[in-house]
Amino acid sequence: MYTKFEDVVALTQAFAKSYTAAVTASSEAAKAGSEAIAKTLVDQSNATVSRGIAVAKELGAVKTPDALVKAQTKFAAESLDLAFVNGKALADLSGKVAEDVTGPLAAHAKTVWEKFPKAA
């Protein structure tokens, strides 16, 4: 239990310093995470465009309607599979970023709540 005013001031200053560090770490994680998500989206988009160009060339080279239907069906199935893979990768990355951003703040809150009852 804290009985002196100076002890309470010191505790408050320590909490403020800890909070500032937690917010800074959280902000840095948010920045890094946003950049990682943006890079992932750009990479996925570039791959999709490149794949689309290759498929267009493939579709332009078919000689029969049957071959065209088969090529389109293959492209549609591959596109759906790729959408699921890309979506999962992005969801996993987003979850990691959320954990990285909230982690420092959660740790700070835990520290404060562990010490706060002792100060009362």
PDB file of N, CA and C in Angstrom:
ATOM      1  N   MET A   1       0.845  -1.175   0.000  1.00  0.00           N
ATOM      2  CA  MET A   1       0.000   0.000   0.000  1.00  0.00           C
ATOM      3  C   MET A   1       0.891   1.239   0.000  1.00  0.00           C
ATOM      4  N   TYR A   2       0.483   2.205  -0.804  1.00  0.00           N
ATOM      5  CA  TYR A   2       1.231   3.455  -0.898  1.00  0.00           C
ATOM      6  C   TYR A   2       0.641   4.472   0.080  1.00  0.00           C
ATOM      7  N   THR A   3       1.475   4.994   0.935  1.00  0.00           N
ATOM      8  CA  THR A   3       0.983   5.928   1.946  1.00  0.00           C
ATOM      9  C   THR A   3       1.477   7.344   1.696  1.00  0.00           C
ATOM     10  N   LYS A   4       2.487   7.485   0.901  1.00  0.00           N
ATOM     11  CA  LYS A   4       3.028   8.807   0.650  1.00  0.00           C
ATOM     12  C   LYS A   4       2.586   9.318  -0.710  1.00  0.00           C
ATOM     13  N   PHE A   5       2.352  10.592  -0.757  1.00  0.00           N
ATOM     14  CA  PHE A   5       1.979  11.241  -2.012  1.00  0.00           C
ATOM     15  C   PHE A   5       3.062  11.019  -3.066  1.00  0.00           C
ATOM     16  N   GLU A   6       4.317  11.064  -2.655  1.00  0.00           N
ATOM     17  CA  GLU A   6       5.421  10.887  -3.587  1.00  0.00           C
ATOM     18  C   GLU A   6       5.393   9.497  -4.229  1.00  0.00           C
ATOM     19  N   ASP A   7       4.951   8.495  -3.449  1.00  0.00           N
ATOM     20  CA  ASP A   7       4.851   7.141  -3.992  1.00  0.00           C
ATOM     21  C   ASP A   7       3.786   7.072  -5.087  1.00  0.00           C
ATOM     22  N   VAL A   8       2.671   7.748  -4.853  1.00  0.00           N
ATOM     23  CA  VAL A   8       1.589   7.758  -5.843  1.00  0.00           C
ATOM     24  C   VAL A   8       2.043   8.496  -7.099  1.00  0.00           C
ATOM     25  N   VAL A   9       2.734   9.612  -6.923  1.00  0.00           N
ATOM     26  CA  VAL A   9       3.243  10.366  -8.071  1.00  0.00           C
ATOM     27  C   VAL A   9       4.230   9.502  -8.863  1.00  0.00           C
ATOM     28  N   ALA A  10       5.131   8.840  -8.169  1.00  0.00           N
ATOM     29  CA  ALA A  10       6.117   7.988  -8.838  1.00  0.00           C
ATOM     30  C   ALA A  10       5.430   6.861  -9.607  1.00  0.00           C
ATOM     31  N   LEU A  11       4.411   6.267  -9.008  1.00  0.00           N
ATOM     32  CA  LEU A  11       3.669   5.192  -9.672  1.00  0.00           C
ATOM     33  C   LEU A  11       2.959   5.734 -10.913  1.00  0.00           C
ATOM     34  N   THR A  12       2.346   6.882 -10.792  1.00  0.00           N
ATOM     35  CA  THR A  12       1.642   7.490 -11.918  1.00  0.00           C
ATOM     36  C   THR A  12       2.619   7.812 -13.046  1.00  0.00           C
ATOM     37  N   GLN A  13       3.776   8.332 -12.703  1.00  0.00           N
ATOM     38  CA  GLN A  13       4.781   8.631 -13.718  1.00  0.00           C
ATOM     39  C   GLN A  13       5.271   7.350 -14.404  1.00  0.00           C
ATOM     40  N   ALA A  14       5.450   6.315 -13.626  1.00  0.00           N
ATOM     41  CA  ALA A  14       5.874   5.031 -14.208  1.00  0.00           C
ATOM     42  C   ALA A  14       4.809   4.486 -15.151  1.00  0.00           C
ATOM     43  N   PHE A  15       3.533   4.579 -14.754  1.00  0.00           N
ATOM     44  CA  PHE A  15       2.442   4.126 -15.623  1.00  0.00           C
ATOM     45  C   PHE A  15       2.412   4.946 -16.914  1.00  0.00           C
ATOM     46  N   ALA A  16       2.590   6.246 -16.803  1.00  0.00           N
ATOM     47  CA  ALA A  16       2.567   7.117 -17.980  1.00  0.00           C
ATOM     48  C   ALA A  16       3.716   6.778 -18.930  1.00  0.00           C
ATOM     49  N   LYS A  17       4.886   6.557 -18.373  1.00  0.00           N
ATOM     50  CA  LYS A  17       6.040   6.194 -19.201  1.00  0.00           C
ATOM     51  C   LYS A  17       5.805   4.844 -19.884  1.00  0.00           C
ATOM     52  N   SER A  18       5.277   3.907 -19.146  1.00  0.00           N
ATOM     53  CA  SER A  18       4.981   2.589 -19.694  1.00  0.00           C
ATOM     54  C   SER A  18       3.924   2.679 -20.795  1.00  0.00           C
ATOM     55  N   TYR A  19       2.909   3.513 -20.552  1.00  0.00           N
ATOM     56  CA  TYR A  19       1.839   3.680 -21.540  1.00  0.00           C
ATOM     57  C   TYR A  19       2.395   4.296 -22.824  1.00  0.00           C
ATOM     58  N   THR A  20       3.251   5.300 -22.682  1.00  0.00           N
ATOM     59  CA  THR A  20       3.854   5.936 -23.847  1.00  0.00           C
ATOM     60  C   THR A  20       4.664   4.916 -24.654  1.00  0.00           C
ATOM     61  N   ALA A  21       5.420   4.100 -23.970  1.00  0.00           N
ATOM     62  CA  ALA A  21       6.197   3.063 -24.656  1.00  0.00           C
ATOM     63  C   ALA A  21       5.276   2.064 -25.352  1.00  0.00           C
ATOM     64  N   ALA A  22       4.183   1.700 -24.686  1.00  0.00           N
ATOM     65  CA  ALA A  22       3.237   0.744 -25.284  1.00  0.00           C
ATOM     66  C   ALA A  22       2.565   1.327 -26.520  1.00  0.00           C
ATOM     67  N   VAL A  23       2.171   2.592 -26.446  1.00  0.00           N
ATOM     68  CA  VAL A  23       1.537   3.239 -27.598  1.00  0.00           C
ATOM     69  C   VAL A  23       2.533   3.355 -28.754  1.00  0.00           C
ATOM     70  N   THR A  24       3.765   3.688 -28.446  1.00  0.00           N
ATOM     71  CA  THR A  24       4.793   3.786 -29.486  1.00  0.00           C
ATOM     72  C   THR A  24       5.008   2.426 -30.155  1.00  0.00           C
ATOM     73  N   ALA A  25       5.139   1.383 -29.353  1.00  0.00           N
ATOM     74  CA  ALA A  25       5.326   0.034 -29.911  1.00  0.00           C
ATOM     75  C   ALA A  25       4.114  -0.383 -30.737  1.00  0.00           C
ATOM     76  N   SER A  26       2.939  -0.056 -30.245  1.00  0.00           N
ATOM     77  CA  SER A  26       1.716  -0.399 -30.963  1.00  0.00           C
ATOM     78  C   SER A  26       1.642   0.346 -32.300  1.00  0.00           C
ATOM     79  N   SER A  27       2.011   1.619 -32.292  1.00  0.00           N
ATOM     80  CA  SER A  27       2.002   2.420 -33.523  1.00  0.00           C
ATOM     81  C   SER A  27       3.002   1.890 -34.540  1.00  0.00           C
ATOM     82  N   GLU A  28       4.170   1.510 -34.069  1.00  0.00           N
ATOM     83  CA  GLU A  28       5.180   0.958 -34.969  1.00  0.00           C
ATOM     84  C   GLU A  28       4.709  -0.371 -35.562  1.00  0.00           C
ATOM     85  N   ALA A  29       4.061  -1.182 -34.743  1.00  0.00           N
ATOM     86  CA  ALA A  29       3.517  -2.450 -35.239  1.00  0.00           C
ATOM     87  C   ALA A  29       2.412  -2.201 -36.263  1.00  0.00           C
ATOM     88  N   ALA A  30       1.588  -1.189 -36.018  1.00  0.00           N
ATOM     89  CA  ALA A  30       0.512  -0.859 -36.960  1.00  0.00           C
ATOM     90  C   ALA A  30       1.088  -0.406 -38.299  1.00  0.00           C
ATOM     91  N   LYS A  31       2.122   0.408 -38.234  1.00  0.00           N
ATOM     92  CA  LYS A  31       2.765   0.872 -39.469  1.00  0.00           C
ATOM     93  C   LYS A  31       3.365  -0.294 -40.243  1.00  0.00           C
ATOM     94  N   ALA A  32       4.132  -1.120 -39.555  1.00  0.00           N
ATOM     95  CA  ALA A  32       4.757  -2.276 -40.212  1.00  0.00           C
ATOM     96  C   ALA A  32       3.695  -3.231 -40.753  1.00  0.00           C
ATOM     97  N   GLY A  33       2.654  -3.450 -39.964  1.00  0.00           N
ATOM     98  CA  GLY A  33       1.586  -4.342 -40.394  1.00  0.00           C
ATOM     99  C   GLY A  33       0.839  -3.817 -41.604  1.00  0.00           C
ATOM    100  N   SER A  34       0.569  -2.513 -41.618  1.00  0.00           N
ATOM    101  CA  SER A  34      -0.106  -1.907 -42.774  1.00  0.00           C
ATOM    102  C   SER A  34       0.738  -2.047 -44.028  1.00  0.00           C
ATOM    103  N   GLU A  35       2.040  -1.840 -43.873  1.00  0.00           N
ATOM    104  CA  GLU A  35       2.936  -2.002 -45.025  1.00  0.00           C
ATOM    105  C   GLU A  35       2.954  -3.447 -45.513  1.00  0.00           C
ATOM    106  N   ALA A  36       2.963  -4.390 -44.582  1.00  0.00           N
ATOM    107  CA  ALA A  36       2.976  -5.813 -44.965  1.00  0.00           C
ATOM    108  C   ALA A  36       1.677  -6.193 -45.675  1.00  0.00           C
ATOM    109  N   ILE A  37       0.559  -5.700 -45.169  1.00  0.00           N
ATOM    110  CA  ILE A  37      -0.729  -5.993 -45.811  1.00  0.00           C
ATOM    111  C   ILE A  37      -0.783  -5.371 -47.202  1.00  0.00           C
ATOM    112  N   ALA A  38      -0.337  -4.124 -47.318  1.00  0.00           N
ATOM    113  CA  ALA A  38      -0.336  -3.464 -48.629  1.00  0.00           C
ATOM    114  C   ALA A  38       0.549  -4.213 -49.617  1.00  0.00           C
ATOM    115  N   LYS A  39       1.728  -4.637 -49.173  1.00  0.00           N
ATOM    116  CA  LYS A  39       2.638  -5.379 -50.050  1.00  0.00           C
ATOM    117  C   LYS A  39       2.007  -6.700 -50.493  1.00  0.00           C
ATOM    118  N   THR A  40       1.358  -7.374 -49.547  1.00  0.00           N
ATOM    119  CA  THR A  40       0.698  -8.630 -49.886  1.00  0.00           C
ATOM    120  C   THR A  40      -0.389  -8.407 -50.935  1.00  0.00           C
ATOM    121  N   LEU A  41      -1.188  -7.364 -50.754  1.00  0.00           N
ATOM    122  CA  LEU A  41      -2.254  -7.068 -51.720  1.00  0.00           C
ATOM    123  C   LEU A  41      -1.685  -6.725 -53.094  1.00  0.00           C
ATOM    124  N   VAL A  42      -0.619  -5.937 -53.113  1.00  0.00           N
ATOM    125  CA  VAL A  42       0.009  -5.584 -54.395  1.00  0.00           C
ATOM    126  C   VAL A  42       0.578  -6.831 -55.064  1.00  0.00           C
ATOM    127  N   ASP A  43       1.258  -7.666 -54.298  1.00  0.00           N
ATOM    128  CA  ASP A  43       1.832  -8.896 -54.858  1.00  0.00           C
ATOM    129  C   ASP A  43       0.732  -9.808 -55.411  1.00  0.00           C
ATOM    130  N   GLN A  44      -0.352  -9.946 -54.643  1.00  0.00           N
ATOM    131  CA  GLN A  44      -1.462 -10.778 -55.112  1.00  0.00           C
ATOM    132  C   GLN A  44      -2.093 -10.191 -56.377  1.00  0.00           C
ATOM    133  N   SER A  45      -2.239  -8.885 -56.416  1.00  0.00           N
ATOM    134  CA  SER A  45      -2.827  -8.232 -57.594  1.00  0.00           C
ATOM    135  C   SER A  45      -1.930  -8.398 -58.820  1.00  0.00           C
ATOM    136  N   ASN A  46      -0.628  -8.207 -58.623  1.00  0.00           N
ATOM    137  CA  ASN A  46       0.302  -8.376 -59.748  1.00  0.00           C
ATOM    138  C   ASN A  46       0.277  -9.803 -60.271  1.00  0.00           C
ATOM    139  N   ALA A  47       0.235 -10.762 -59.372  1.00  0.00           N
ATOM    140  CA  ALA A  47       0.178 -12.164 -59.788  1.00  0.00           C
ATOM    141  C   ALA A  47      -1.118 -12.450 -60.542  1.00  0.00           C
ATOM    142  N   THR A  48      -2.204 -11.863 -60.087  1.00  0.00           N
ATOM    143  CA  THR A  48      -3.494 -12.068 -60.749  1.00  0.00           C
ATOM    144  C   THR A  48      -3.488 -11.478 -62.156  1.00  0.00           C
ATOM    145  N   VAL A  49      -2.920 -10.293 -62.310  1.00  0.00           N
ATOM    146  CA  VAL A  49      -2.845  -9.663 -63.637  1.00  0.00           C
ATOM    147  C   VAL A  49      -1.965 -10.506 -64.558  1.00  0.00           C
ATOM    148  N   SER A  50      -0.817 -10.920 -64.073  1.00  0.00           N
ATOM    149  CA  SER A  50       0.081 -11.753 -64.897  1.00  0.00           C
ATOM    150  C   SER A  50      -0.604 -13.050 -65.308  1.00  0.00           C
ATOM    151  N   ARG A  51      -1.292 -13.635 -64.348  1.00  0.00           N
ATOM    152  CA  ARG A  51      -2.010 -14.882 -64.638  1.00  0.00           C
ATOM    153  C   ARG A  51      -3.117 -14.629 -65.656  1.00  0.00           C
ATOM    154  N   GLY A  52      -3.813 -13.516 -65.514  1.00  0.00           N
ATOM    155  CA  GLY A  52      -4.882 -13.177 -66.461  1.00  0.00           C
ATOM    156  C   GLY A  52      -4.360 -13.007 -67.875  1.00  0.00           C
ATOM    157  N   ILE A  53      -3.208 -12.407 -68.016  1.00  0.00           N
ATOM    158  CA  ILE A  53      -2.601 -12.235 -69.340  1.00  0.00           C
ATOM    159  C   ILE A  53      -2.249 -13.596 -69.940  1.00  0.00           C
ATOM    160  N   ALA A  54      -1.670 -14.460 -69.113  1.00  0.00           N
ATOM    161  CA  ALA A  54      -1.309 -15.801 -69.601  1.00  0.00           C
ATOM    162  C   ALA A  54      -2.548 -16.580 -70.016  1.00  0.00           C
ATOM    163  N   VAL A  55      -3.602 -16.465 -69.239  1.00  0.00           N
ATOM    164  CA  VAL A  55      -4.843 -17.169 -69.558  1.00  0.00           C
ATOM    165  C   VAL A  55      -5.453 -16.608 -70.837  1.00  0.00           C
ATOM    166  N   ALA A  56      -5.412 -15.299 -70.997  1.00  0.00           N
ATOM    167  CA  ALA A  56      -5.959 -14.692 -72.224  1.00  0.00           C
ATOM    168  C   ALA A  56      -5.223 -15.213 -73.450  1.00  0.00           C
ATOM    169  N   LYS A  57      -3.910 -15.351 -73.342  1.00  0.00           N
ATOM    170  CA  LYS A  57      -3.134 -15.906 -74.469  1.00  0.00           C
ATOM    171  C   LYS A  57      -3.529 -17.356 -74.724  1.00  0.00           C
ATOM    172  N   GLU A  58      -3.709 -18.084 -73.628  1.00  0.00           N
ATOM    173  CA  GLU A  58      -4.107 -19.491 -73.758  1.00  0.00           C
ATOM    174  C   GLU A  58      -5.485 -19.610 -74.403  1.00  0.00           C
ATOM    175  N   LEU A  59      -6.410 -18.777 -73.959  1.00  0.00           N
ATOM    176  CA  LEU A  59      -7.761 -18.828 -74.525  1.00  0.00           C
ATOM    177  C   LEU A  59      -7.759 -18.395 -75.987  1.00  0.00           C
ATOM    178  N   GLY A  60      -6.883 -17.443 -76.319  1.00  0.00           N
ATOM    179  CA  GLY A  60      -6.804 -16.989 -77.711  1.00  0.00           C
ATOM    180  C   GLY A  60      -6.214 -18.023 -78.647  1.00  0.00           C
ATOM    181  N   ALA A  61      -5.515 -18.992 -78.086  1.00  0.00           N
ATOM    182  CA  ALA A  61      -4.849 -19.998 -78.917  1.00  0.00           C
ATOM    183  C   ALA A  61      -5.706 -21.244 -79.148  1.00  0.00           C
ATOM    184  N   VAL A  62      -6.846 -21.355 -78.464  1.00  0.00           N
ATOM    185  CA  VAL A  62      -7.651 -22.575 -78.636  1.00  0.00           C
ATOM    186  C   VAL A  62      -8.276 -22.597 -80.029  1.00  0.00           C
ATOM    187  N   LYS A  63      -8.504 -23.809 -80.501  1.00  0.00           N
ATOM    188  CA  LYS A  63      -8.983 -23.981 -81.877  1.00  0.00           C
ATOM    189  C   LYS A  63     -10.438 -24.436 -81.961  1.00  0.00           C
ATOM    190  N   THR A  64     -10.958 -24.994 -80.863  1.00  0.00           N
ATOM    191  CA  THR A  64     -12.323 -25.521 -80.919  1.00  0.00           C
ATOM    192  C   THR A  64     -13.134 -24.978 -79.733  1.00  0.00           C
ATOM    193  N   PRO A  65     -14.453 -24.958 -79.909  1.00  0.00           N
ATOM    194  CA  PRO A  65     -15.304 -24.523 -78.796  1.00  0.00           C
ATOM    195  C   PRO A  65     -15.143 -25.427 -77.566  1.00  0.00           C
ATOM    196  N   ASP A  66     -14.957 -26.721 -77.798  1.00  0.00           N
ATOM    197  CA  ASP A  66     -14.777 -27.649 -76.684  1.00  0.00           C
ATOM    198  C   ASP A  66     -13.511 -27.309 -75.898  1.00  0.00           C
ATOM    199  N   ALA A  67     -12.431 -27.021 -76.608  1.00  0.00           N
ATOM    200  CA  ALA A  67     -11.165 -26.658 -75.954  1.00  0.00           C
ATOM    201  C   ALA A  67     -11.310 -25.330 -75.208  1.00  0.00           C
ATOM    202  N   LEU A  68     -12.107 -24.416 -75.750  1.00  0.00           N
ATOM    203  CA  LEU A  68     -12.348 -23.132 -75.093  1.00  0.00           C
ATOM    204  C   LEU A  68     -13.097 -23.331 -73.779  1.00  0.00           C
ATOM    205  N   VAL A  69     -14.121 -24.158 -73.792  1.00  0.00           N
ATOM    206  CA  VAL A  69     -14.889 -24.427 -72.575  1.00  0.00           C
ATOM    207  C   VAL A  69     -13.996 -25.092 -71.527  1.00  0.00           C
ATOM    208  N   LYS A  70     -13.185 -26.053 -71.942  1.00  0.00           N
ATOM    209  CA  LYS A  70     -12.280 -26.719 -71.001  1.00  0.00           C
ATOM    210  C   LYS A  70     -11.279 -25.725 -70.400  1.00  0.00           C
ATOM    211  N   ALA A  71     -10.730 -24.857 -71.238  1.00  0.00           N
ATOM    212  CA  ALA A  71      -9.751 -23.875 -70.756  1.00  0.00           C
ATOM    213  C   ALA A  71     -10.410 -22.884 -69.796  1.00  0.00           C
ATOM    214  N   GLN A  72     -11.622 -22.437 -70.117  1.00  0.00           N
ATOM    215  CA  GLN A  72     -12.333 -21.512 -69.238  1.00  0.00           C
ATOM    216  C   GLN A  72     -12.696 -22.169 -67.906  1.00  0.00           C
ATOM    217  N   THR A  73     -13.108 -23.414 -67.966  1.00  0.00           N
ATOM    218  CA  THR A  73     -13.454 -24.151 -66.743  1.00  0.00           C
ATOM    219  C   THR A  73     -12.221 -24.314 -65.862  1.00  0.00           C
ATOM    220  N   LYS A  74     -11.117 -24.659 -66.484  1.00  0.00           N
ATOM    221  CA  LYS A  74      -9.856 -24.805 -65.740  1.00  0.00           C
ATOM    222  C   LYS A  74      -9.477 -23.462 -65.098  1.00  0.00           C
ATOM    223  N   PHE A  75      -9.580 -22.389 -65.859  1.00  0.00           N
ATOM    224  CA  PHE A  75      -9.248 -21.062 -65.349  1.00  0.00           C
ATOM    225  C   PHE A  75     -10.164 -20.680 -64.182  1.00  0.00           C
ATOM    226  N   ALA A  76     -11.447 -20.956 -64.305  1.00  0.00           N
ATOM    227  CA  ALA A  76     -12.385 -20.621 -63.231  1.00  0.00           C
ATOM    228  C   ALA A  76     -12.077 -21.404 -61.955  1.00  0.00           C
ATOM    229  N   ALA A  77     -11.796 -22.686 -62.096  1.00  0.00           N
ATOM    230  CA  ALA A  77     -11.487 -23.522 -60.928  1.00  0.00           C
ATOM    231  C   ALA A  77     -10.190 -23.052 -60.262  1.00  0.00           C
ATOM    232  N   GLU A  78      -9.174 -22.777 -61.070  1.00  0.00           N
ATOM    233  CA  GLU A  78      -7.905 -22.296 -60.519  1.00  0.00           C
ATOM    234  C   GLU A  78      -8.077 -20.935 -59.844  1.00  0.00           C
ATOM    235  N   SER A  79      -8.906 -20.088 -60.430  1.00  0.00           N
ATOM    236  CA  SER A  79      -9.144 -18.758 -59.857  1.00  0.00           C
ATOM    237  C   SER A  79      -9.816 -18.860 -58.500  1.00  0.00           C
ATOM    238  N   LEU A  80     -10.769 -19.749 -58.370  1.00  0.00           N
ATOM    239  CA  LEU A  80     -11.458 -19.942 -57.102  1.00  0.00           C
ATOM    240  C   LEU A  80     -10.498 -20.480 -56.046  1.00  0.00           C
ATOM    241  N   ASP A  81      -9.704 -21.474 -56.418  1.00  0.00           N
ATOM    242  CA  ASP A  81      -8.708 -22.015 -55.479  1.00  0.00           C
ATOM    243  C   ASP A  81      -7.729 -20.933 -55.032  1.00  0.00           C
ATOM    244  N   LEU A  82      -7.265 -20.144 -55.980  1.00  0.00           N
ATOM    245  CA  LEU A  82      -6.318 -19.079 -55.672  1.00  0.00           C
ATOM    246  C   LEU A  82      -6.948 -18.013 -54.781  1.00  0.00           C
ATOM    247  N   ALA A  83      -8.211 -17.714 -55.009  1.00  0.00           N
ATOM    248  CA  ALA A  83      -8.906 -16.729 -54.171  1.00  0.00           C
ATOM    249  C   ALA A  83      -8.957 -17.208 -52.719  1.00  0.00           C
ATOM    250  N   PHE A  84      -9.222 -18.482 -52.507  1.00  0.00           N
ATOM    251  CA  PHE A  84      -9.243 -19.024 -51.143  1.00  0.00           C
ATOM    252  C   PHE A  84      -7.852 -18.977 -50.500  1.00  0.00           C
ATOM    253  N   VAL A  85      -6.831 -19.350 -51.267  1.00  0.00           N
ATOM    254  CA  VAL A  85      -5.462 -19.335 -50.743  1.00  0.00           C
ATOM    255  C   VAL A  85      -5.050 -17.901 -50.397  1.00  0.00           C
ATOM    256  N   ASN A  86      -5.292 -16.971 -51.309  1.00  0.00           N
ATOM    257  CA  ASN A  86      -4.929 -15.577 -51.067  1.00  0.00           C
ATOM    258  C   ASN A  86      -5.733 -14.983 -49.908  1.00  0.00           C
ATOM    259  N   GLY A  87      -7.000 -15.319 -49.842  1.00  0.00           N
ATOM    260  CA  GLY A  87      -7.832 -14.820 -48.750  1.00  0.00           C
ATOM    261  C   GLY A  87      -7.358 -15.320 -47.397  1.00  0.00           C
ATOM    262  N   LYS A  88      -6.984 -16.588 -47.334  1.00  0.00           N
ATOM    263  CA  LYS A  88      -6.482 -17.145 -46.078  1.00  0.00           C
ATOM    264  C   LYS A  88      -5.168 -16.493 -45.685  1.00  0.00           C
ATOM    265  N   ALA A  89      -4.288 -16.305 -46.657  1.00  0.00           N
ATOM    266  CA  ALA A  89      -2.997 -15.660 -46.368  1.00  0.00           C
ATOM    267  C   ALA A  89      -3.208 -14.251 -45.827  1.00  0.00           C
ATOM    268  N   LEU A  90      -4.120 -13.529 -46.433  1.00  0.00           N
ATOM    269  CA  LEU A  90      -4.398 -12.164 -45.988  1.00  0.00           C
ATOM    270  C   LEU A  90      -5.061 -12.153 -44.615  1.00  0.00           C
ATOM    271  N   ALA A  91      -5.969 -13.081 -44.370  1.00  0.00           N
ATOM    272  CA  ALA A  91      -6.617 -13.176 -43.053  1.00  0.00           C
ATOM    273  C   ALA A  91      -5.602 -13.524 -41.968  1.00  0.00           C
ATOM    274  N   ASP A  92      -4.703 -14.457 -42.262  1.00  0.00           N
ATOM    275  CA  ASP A  92      -3.664 -14.825 -41.296  1.00  0.00           C
ATOM    276  C   ASP A  92      -2.758 -13.634 -40.990  1.00  0.00           C
ATOM    277  N   LEU A  93      -2.357 -12.926 -42.026  1.00  0.00           N
ATOM    278  CA  LEU A  93      -1.506 -11.752 -41.839  1.00  0.00           C
ATOM    279  C   LEU A  93      -2.236 -10.677 -41.035  1.00  0.00           C
ATOM    280  N   SER A  94      -3.497 -10.463 -41.332  1.00  0.00           N
ATOM    281  CA  SER A  94      -4.282  -9.465 -40.596  1.00  0.00           C
ATOM    282  C   SER A  94      -4.399  -9.834 -39.125  1.00  0.00           C
ATOM    283  N   GLY A  95      -4.582 -11.105 -38.840  1.00  0.00           N
ATOM    284  CA  GLY A  95      -4.646 -11.554 -37.454  1.00  0.00           C
ATOM    285  C   GLY A  95      -3.339 -11.320 -36.725  1.00  0.00           C
ATOM    286  N   LYS A  96      -2.228 -11.601 -37.396  1.00  0.00           N
ATOM    287  CA  LYS A  96      -0.908 -11.371 -36.793  1.00  0.00           C
ATOM    288  C   LYS A  96      -0.703  -9.886 -36.526  1.00  0.00           C
ATOM    289  N   VAL A  97      -1.087  -9.055 -37.482  1.00  0.00           N
ATOM    290  CA  VAL A  97      -0.936  -7.611 -37.304  1.00  0.00           C
ATOM    291  C   VAL A  97      -1.781  -7.137 -36.120  1.00  0.00           C
ATOM    292  N   ALA A  98      -2.998  -7.631 -36.020  1.00  0.00           N
ATOM    293  CA  ALA A  98      -3.865  -7.239 -34.895  1.00  0.00           C
ATOM    294  C   ALA A  98      -3.227  -7.628 -33.560  1.00  0.00           C
ATOM    295  N   GLU A  99      -2.662  -8.816 -33.497  1.00  0.00           N
ATOM    296  CA  GLU A  99      -1.988  -9.245 -32.261  1.00  0.00           C
ATOM    297  C   GLU A  99      -0.773  -8.371 -31.964  1.00  0.00           C
ATOM    298  N   ASP A 100      -0.008  -8.058 -33.000  1.00  0.00           N
ATOM    299  CA  ASP A 100       1.182  -7.231 -32.809  1.00  0.00           C
ATOM    300  C   ASP A 100       0.817  -5.816 -32.348  1.00  0.00           C
ATOM    301  N   VAL A 101      -0.295  -5.297 -32.852  1.00  0.00           N
ATOM    302  CA  VAL A 101      -0.719  -3.941 -32.498  1.00  0.00           C
ATOM    303  C   VAL A 101      -1.289  -3.897 -31.082  1.00  0.00           C
ATOM    304  N   THR A 102      -2.071  -4.882 -30.720  1.00  0.00           N
ATOM    305  CA  THR A 102      -2.719  -4.849 -29.397  1.00  0.00           C
ATOM    306  C   THR A 102      -1.841  -5.404 -28.285  1.00  0.00           C
ATOM    307  N   GLY A 103      -0.828  -6.181 -28.639  1.00  0.00           N
ATOM    308  CA  GLY A 103       0.032  -6.805 -27.635  1.00  0.00           C
ATOM    309  C   GLY A 103       0.655  -5.839 -26.641  1.00  0.00           C
ATOM    310  N   PRO A 104       1.327  -4.777 -27.107  1.00  0.00           N
ATOM    311  CA  PRO A 104       1.941  -3.853 -26.153  1.00  0.00           C
ATOM    312  C   PRO A 104       0.926  -3.171 -25.231  1.00  0.00           C
ATOM    313  N   LEU A 105      -0.227  -2.830 -25.770  1.00  0.00           N
ATOM    314  CA  LEU A 105      -1.253  -2.179 -24.951  1.00  0.00           C
ATOM    315  C   LEU A 105      -1.843  -3.147 -23.935  1.00  0.00           C
ATOM    316  N   ALA A 106      -2.035  -4.389 -24.348  1.00  0.00           N
ATOM    317  CA  ALA A 106      -2.559  -5.392 -23.419  1.00  0.00           C
ATOM    318  C   ALA A 106      -1.558  -5.667 -22.297  1.00  0.00           C
ATOM    319  N   ALA A 107      -0.293  -5.728 -22.651  1.00  0.00           N
ATOM    320  CA  ALA A 107       0.741  -5.954 -21.629  1.00  0.00           C
ATOM    321  C   ALA A 107       0.780  -4.791 -20.642  1.00  0.00           C
ATOM    322  N   HIS A 108       0.654  -3.580 -21.157  1.00  0.00           N
ATOM    323  CA  HIS A 108       0.641  -2.407 -20.279  1.00  0.00           C
ATOM    324  C   HIS A 108      -0.573  -2.454 -19.344  1.00  0.00           C
ATOM    325  N   ALA A 109      -1.732  -2.755 -19.907  1.00  0.00           N
ATOM    326  CA  ALA A 109      -2.943  -2.814 -19.081  1.00  0.00           C
ATOM    327  C   ALA A 109      -2.815  -3.874 -17.997  1.00  0.00           C
ATOM    328  N   LYS A 110      -2.232  -5.012 -18.337  1.00  0.00           N
ATOM    329  CA  LYS A 110      -2.045  -6.076 -17.347  1.00  0.00           C
ATOM    330  C   LYS A 110      -1.139  -5.596 -16.211  1.00  0.00           C
ATOM    331  N   THR A 111      -0.063  -4.927 -16.579  1.00  0.00           N
ATOM    332  CA  THR A 111       0.863  -4.410 -15.568  1.00  0.00           C
ATOM    333  C   THR A 111       0.171  -3.406 -14.653  1.00  0.00           C
ATOM    334  N   VAL A 112      -0.596  -2.512 -15.242  1.00  0.00           N
ATOM    335  CA  VAL A 112      -1.296  -1.496 -14.441  1.00  0.00           C
ATOM    336  C   VAL A 112      -2.270  -2.164 -13.486  1.00  0.00           C
ATOM    337  N   TRP A 113      -3.043  -3.114 -13.978  1.00  0.00           N
ATOM    338  CA  TRP A 113      -4.055  -3.740 -13.124  1.00  0.00           C
ATOM    339  C   TRP A 113      -3.426  -4.612 -12.050  1.00  0.00           C
ATOM    340  N   GLU A 114      -2.252  -5.136 -12.310  1.00  0.00           N
ATOM    341  CA  GLU A 114      -1.567  -5.917 -11.270  1.00  0.00           C
ATOM    342  C   GLU A 114      -1.061  -5.014 -10.153  1.00  0.00           C
ATOM    343  N   LYS A 115      -0.621  -3.806 -10.494  1.00  0.00           N
ATOM    344  CA  LYS A 115      -0.066  -2.902  -9.503  1.00  0.00           C
ATOM    345  C   LYS A 115      -1.114  -1.987  -8.877  1.00  0.00           C
ATOM    346  N   PHE A 116      -2.177  -1.687  -9.609  1.00  0.00           N
ATOM    347  CA  PHE A 116      -3.162  -0.719  -9.135  1.00  0.00           C
ATOM    348  C   PHE A 116      -3.803  -1.085  -7.797  1.00  0.00           C
ATOM    349  N   PRO A 117      -4.249  -2.332  -7.599  1.00  0.00           N
ATOM    350  CA  PRO A 117      -4.870  -2.651  -6.309  1.00  0.00           C
ATOM    351  C   PRO A 117      -3.928  -2.440  -5.117  1.00  0.00           C
ATOM    352  N   LYS A 118      -2.645  -2.623  -5.364  1.00  0.00           N
ATOM    353  CA  LYS A 118      -1.680  -2.417  -4.296  1.00  0.00           C
ATOM    354  C   LYS A 118      -1.548  -0.942  -3.932  1.00  0.00           C
ATOM    355  N   ALA A 119      -1.866  -0.084  -4.884  1.00  0.00           N
ATOM    356  CA  ALA A 119      -1.738   1.348  -4.646  1.00  0.00           C
ATOM    357  C   ALA A 119      -2.932   1.894  -3.875  1.00  0.00           C
ATOM    358  N   ALA A 120      -4.020   1.168  -3.871  1.00  0.00           N
ATOM    359  CA  ALA A 120      -5.241   1.675  -3.220  1.00  0.00           C
ATOM    360  C   ALA A 120      -5.187   1.556  -1.719  1.00  0.00           C
TER     361      ALA A 120
END
